[in-house]
C-alpha atoms as a PDB file:
ATOM      1  CA  UNK A   1      -0.002  -0.001   0.000  1.00  0.00           C
ATOM      2  CA  UNK A   2       1.317   3.445  -0.873  1.00  0.00           C
ATOM      3  CA  UNK A   3       2.533   5.920   1.716  1.00  0.00           C
ATOM      4  CA  UNK A   4      -0.246   8.561   1.398  1.00  0.00           C
ATOM      5  CA  UNK A   5      -3.036   5.993   1.607  1.00  0.00           C
ATOM      6  CA  UNK A   6      -1.785   4.685   4.949  1.00  0.00           C
ATOM      7  CA  UNK A   7      -1.472   8.199   6.305  1.00  0.00           C
ATOM      8  CA  UNK A   8      -5.043   8.976   5.208  1.00  0.00           C
ATOM      9  CA  UNK A   9      -6.409   5.830   6.845  1.00  0.00           C
ATOM     10  CA  UNK A  10      -4.587   6.474  10.113  1.00  0.00           C
ATOM     11  CA  UNK A  11      -5.650  10.143  10.061  1.00  0.00           C
ATOM     12  CA  UNK A  12      -9.297   9.196   9.636  1.00  0.00           C
ATOM     13  CA  UNK A  13      -8.970   6.662  12.457  1.00  0.00           C
ATOM     14  CA  UNK A  14      -7.499   9.367  14.668  1.00  0.00           C
ATOM     15  CA  UNK A  15     -10.247  11.839  13.766  1.00  0.00           C
ATOM     16  CA  UNK A  16     -13.034   9.374  14.542  1.00  0.00           C
ATOM     17  CA  UNK A  17     -11.246   8.525  17.789  1.00  0.00           C
ATOM     18  CA  UNK A  18     -11.096  12.204  18.716  1.00  0.00           C
ATOM     19  CA  UNK A  19     -14.845  12.466  18.156  1.00  0.00           C
ATOM     20  CA  UNK A  20     -15.575   9.367  20.239  1.00  0.00           C
ATOM     21  CA  UNK A  21     -13.459  10.594  23.132  1.00  0.00           C
ATOM     22  CA  UNK A  22     -14.713  14.165  23.171  1.00  0.00           C
ATOM     23  CA  UNK A  23     -18.336  14.047  22.024  1.00  0.00           C
ATOM     24  CA  UNK A  24     -20.053  13.518  25.372  1.00  0.00           C
ATOM     25  CA  UNK A  25     -18.449  16.537  27.025  1.00  0.00           C
ATOM     26  CA  UNK A  26     -19.022  18.722  23.969  1.00  0.00           C
ATOM     27  CA  UNK A  27     -22.650  17.577  23.718  1.00  0.00           C
ATOM     28  CA  UNK A  28     -23.277  18.563  27.328  1.00  0.00           C
ATOM     29  CA  UNK A  29     -22.076  22.090  26.569  1.00  0.00           C
ATOM     30  CA  UNK A  30     -24.341  22.333  23.518  1.00  0.00           C
ATOM     31  CA  UNK A  31     -27.297  20.476  25.133  1.00  0.00           C
ATOM     32  CA  UNK A  32     -27.193  17.809  22.434  1.00  0.00           C
ATOM     33  CA  UNK A  33     -28.387  14.254  23.050  1.00  0.00           C
ATOM     34  CA  UNK A  34     -25.773  11.683  23.988  1.00  0.00           C
ATOM     35  CA  UNK A  35     -26.161   8.086  22.826  1.00  0.00           C
ATOM     36  CA  UNK A  36     -25.922   5.346  25.423  1.00  0.00           C
ATOM     37  CA  UNK A  37     -22.687   4.220  23.738  1.00  0.00           C
ATOM     38  CA  UNK A  38     -21.037   7.453  24.852  1.00  0.00           C
ATOM     39  CA  UNK A  39     -22.448   7.807  28.356  1.00  0.00           C
ATOM     40  CA  UNK A  40     -20.027   5.527  30.200  1.00  0.00           C
ATOM     41  CA  UNK A  41     -16.264   5.903  30.154  1.00  0.00           C
ATOM     42  CA  UNK A  42     -15.878   2.129  29.995  1.00  0.00           C
ATOM     43  CA  UNK A  43     -18.042   1.582  26.920  1.00  0.00           C
ATOM     44  CA  UNK A  44     -16.539  -0.529  24.186  1.00  0.00           C
ATOM     45  CA  UNK A  45     -16.415   2.318  21.657  1.00  0.00           C
ATOM     46  CA  UNK A  46     -14.606   4.634  24.089  1.00  0.00           C
ATOM     47  CA  UNK A  47     -12.047   1.955  24.884  1.00  0.00           C
ATOM     48  CA  UNK A  48     -11.515   1.425  21.144  1.00  0.00           C
ATOM     49  CA  UNK A  49     -11.125   5.181  20.668  1.00  0.00           C
ATOM     50  CA  UNK A  50      -8.718   5.431  23.594  1.00  0.00           C
ATOM     51  CA  UNK A  51      -6.530   2.701  22.135  1.00  0.00           C
ATOM     52  CA  UNK A  52      -6.769   3.724  18.497  1.00  0.00           C
ATOM     53  CA  UNK A  53      -5.932   7.425  18.943  1.00  0.00           C
ATOM     54  CA  UNK A  54      -2.324   6.926  20.038  1.00  0.00           C
ATOM     55  CA  UNK A  55      -2.184   3.684  18.088  1.00  0.00           C
ATOM     56  CA  UNK A  56      -2.873   5.455  14.817  1.00  0.00           C
ATOM     57  CA  UNK A  57       0.008   7.831  15.447  1.00  0.00           C
ATOM     58  CA  UNK A  58       2.367   5.045  16.447  1.00  0.00           C
ATOM     59  CA  UNK A  59       1.387   2.899  13.475  1.00  0.00           C
ATOM     60  CA  UNK A  60       1.939   5.735  11.021  1.00  0.00           C
ATOM     61  CA  UNK A  61       5.354   6.418  12.547  1.00  0.00           C
ATOM     62  CA  UNK A  62       6.163   2.706  12.309  1.00  0.00           C
ATOM     63  CA  UNK A  63       5.171   2.462   8.636  1.00  0.00           C
ATOM     64  CA  UNK A  64       6.651   5.764   7.485  1.00  0.00           C
ATOM     65  CA  UNK A  65       8.567   8.719   8.936  1.00  0.00           C
ATOM     66  CA  UNK A  66       8.538   9.622  12.642  1.00  0.00           C
ATOM     67  CA  UNK A  67       6.908  12.998  11.986  1.00  0.00           C
ATOM     68  CA  UNK A  68       3.865  11.346  10.424  1.00  0.00           C
ATOM     69  CA  UNK A  69       2.615  10.583  13.945  1.00  0.00           C
ATOM     70  CA  UNK A  70       2.365  14.303  14.655  1.00  0.00           C
ATOM     71  CA  UNK A  71       0.675  14.857  11.319  1.00  0.00           C
ATOM     72  CA  UNK A  72      -1.885  12.113  11.962  1.00  0.00           C
ATOM     73  CA  UNK A  73      -2.786  13.334  15.456  1.00  0.00           C
ATOM     74  CA  UNK A  74      -2.956  17.069  14.620  1.00  0.00           C
ATOM     75  CA  UNK A  75      -4.748  16.744  11.286  1.00  0.00           C
ATOM     76  CA  UNK A  76      -7.054  14.127  12.833  1.00  0.00           C
ATOM     77  CA  UNK A  77      -8.000  16.617  15.534  1.00  0.00           C
ATOM     78  CA  UNK A  78      -8.754  19.285  12.932  1.00  0.00           C
ATOM     79  CA  UNK A  79     -10.899  16.882  10.903  1.00  0.00           C
ATOM     80  CA  UNK A  80     -12.757  15.874  14.085  1.00  0.00           C
ATOM     81  CA  UNK A  81     -13.532  19.521  14.813  1.00  0.00           C
ATOM     82  CA  UNK A  82     -14.691  20.030  11.242  1.00  0.00           C
ATOM     83  CA  UNK A  83     -16.899  16.929  11.347  1.00  0.00           C
ATOM     84  CA  UNK A  84     -18.428  18.025  14.647  1.00  0.00           C
ATOM     85  CA  UNK A  85     -19.239  21.481  13.338  1.00  0.00           C
ATOM     86  CA  UNK A  86     -20.687  20.114  10.089  1.00  0.00           C
ATOM     87  CA  UNK A  87     -22.690  17.131  11.337  1.00  0.00           C
ATOM     88  CA  UNK A  88     -23.482  18.415  14.859  1.00  0.00           C
ATOM     89  CA  UNK A  89     -25.621  15.799  16.705  1.00  0.00           C
ATOM     90  CA  UNK A  90     -25.196  13.146  14.021  1.00  0.00           C
ATOM     91  CA  UNK A  91     -21.413  13.022  14.369  1.00  0.00           C
ATOM     92  CA  UNK A  92     -21.731  10.594  17.267  1.00  0.00           C
ATOM     93  CA  UNK A  93     -23.304   7.989  14.980  1.00  0.00           C
ATOM     94  CA  UNK A  94     -20.807   8.635  12.191  1.00  0.00           C
ATOM     95  CA  UNK A  95     -17.925   8.099  14.637  1.00  0.00           C
ATOM     96  CA  UNK A  96     -19.661   5.045  16.064  1.00  0.00           C
ATOM     97  CA  UNK A  97     -19.369   3.462  12.634  1.00  0.00           C
ATOM     98  CA  UNK A  98     -16.055   5.073  11.666  1.00  0.00           C
ATOM     99  CA  UNK A  99     -13.899   3.781  14.500  1.00  0.00           C
ATOM    100  CA  UNK A 100     -14.559   0.055  13.948  1.00  0.00           C
ATOM    101  CA  UNK A 101     -14.310   0.367  10.163  1.00  0.00           C
ATOM    102  CA  UNK A 102     -11.021   2.260  10.126  1.00  0.00           C
ATOM    103  CA  UNK A 103      -9.647   0.229  13.025  1.00  0.00           C
ATOM    104  CA  UNK A 104     -10.217  -2.914  10.986  1.00  0.00           C
ATOM    105  CA  UNK A 105      -8.597  -1.367   7.916  1.00  0.00           C
ATOM    106  CA  UNK A 106      -5.641  -0.210  10.017  1.00  0.00           C
ATOM    107  CA  UNK A 107      -5.151  -3.677  11.468  1.00  0.00           C
ATOM    108  CA  UNK A 108      -5.165  -5.118   7.957  1.00  0.00           C
ATOM    109  CA  UNK A 109      -2.581  -2.566   6.832  1.00  0.00           C
ATOM    110  CA  UNK A 110      -0.331  -3.399   9.765  1.00  0.00           C
ATOM    111  CA  UNK A 111      -0.809  -7.139   9.247  1.00  0.00           C
ATOM    112  CA  UNK A 112       0.094  -6.921   5.555  1.00  0.00           C
ATOM    113  CA  UNK A 113       3.152  -4.752   6.194  1.00  0.00           C
ATOM    114  CA  UNK A 114       4.811  -7.226   8.561  1.00  0.00           C
END
């Protein structure tokens, strides 16, 4: 797989992870509804987001240059902010689907690179 494609996949994984980890607090400020998946800190999706956020940076640094980890985390944060401002309340459901999809793709990329 080419270098930019892996960076894009890991950046999208990081951005969905940012949304998963920050949506409940942001929704409380905006008085938006919070899905039951986001209410508890020990929910499966939050654990996956907590693992995949630093994991996406580490995996991109492993597969390419060291600075790609910074790029993935920072650009992922910016994309998460953009998604939240565009999709508002619906972003929680988009991230609920995005984390498992891009986590699976990332695992396949890592598996095929070894």
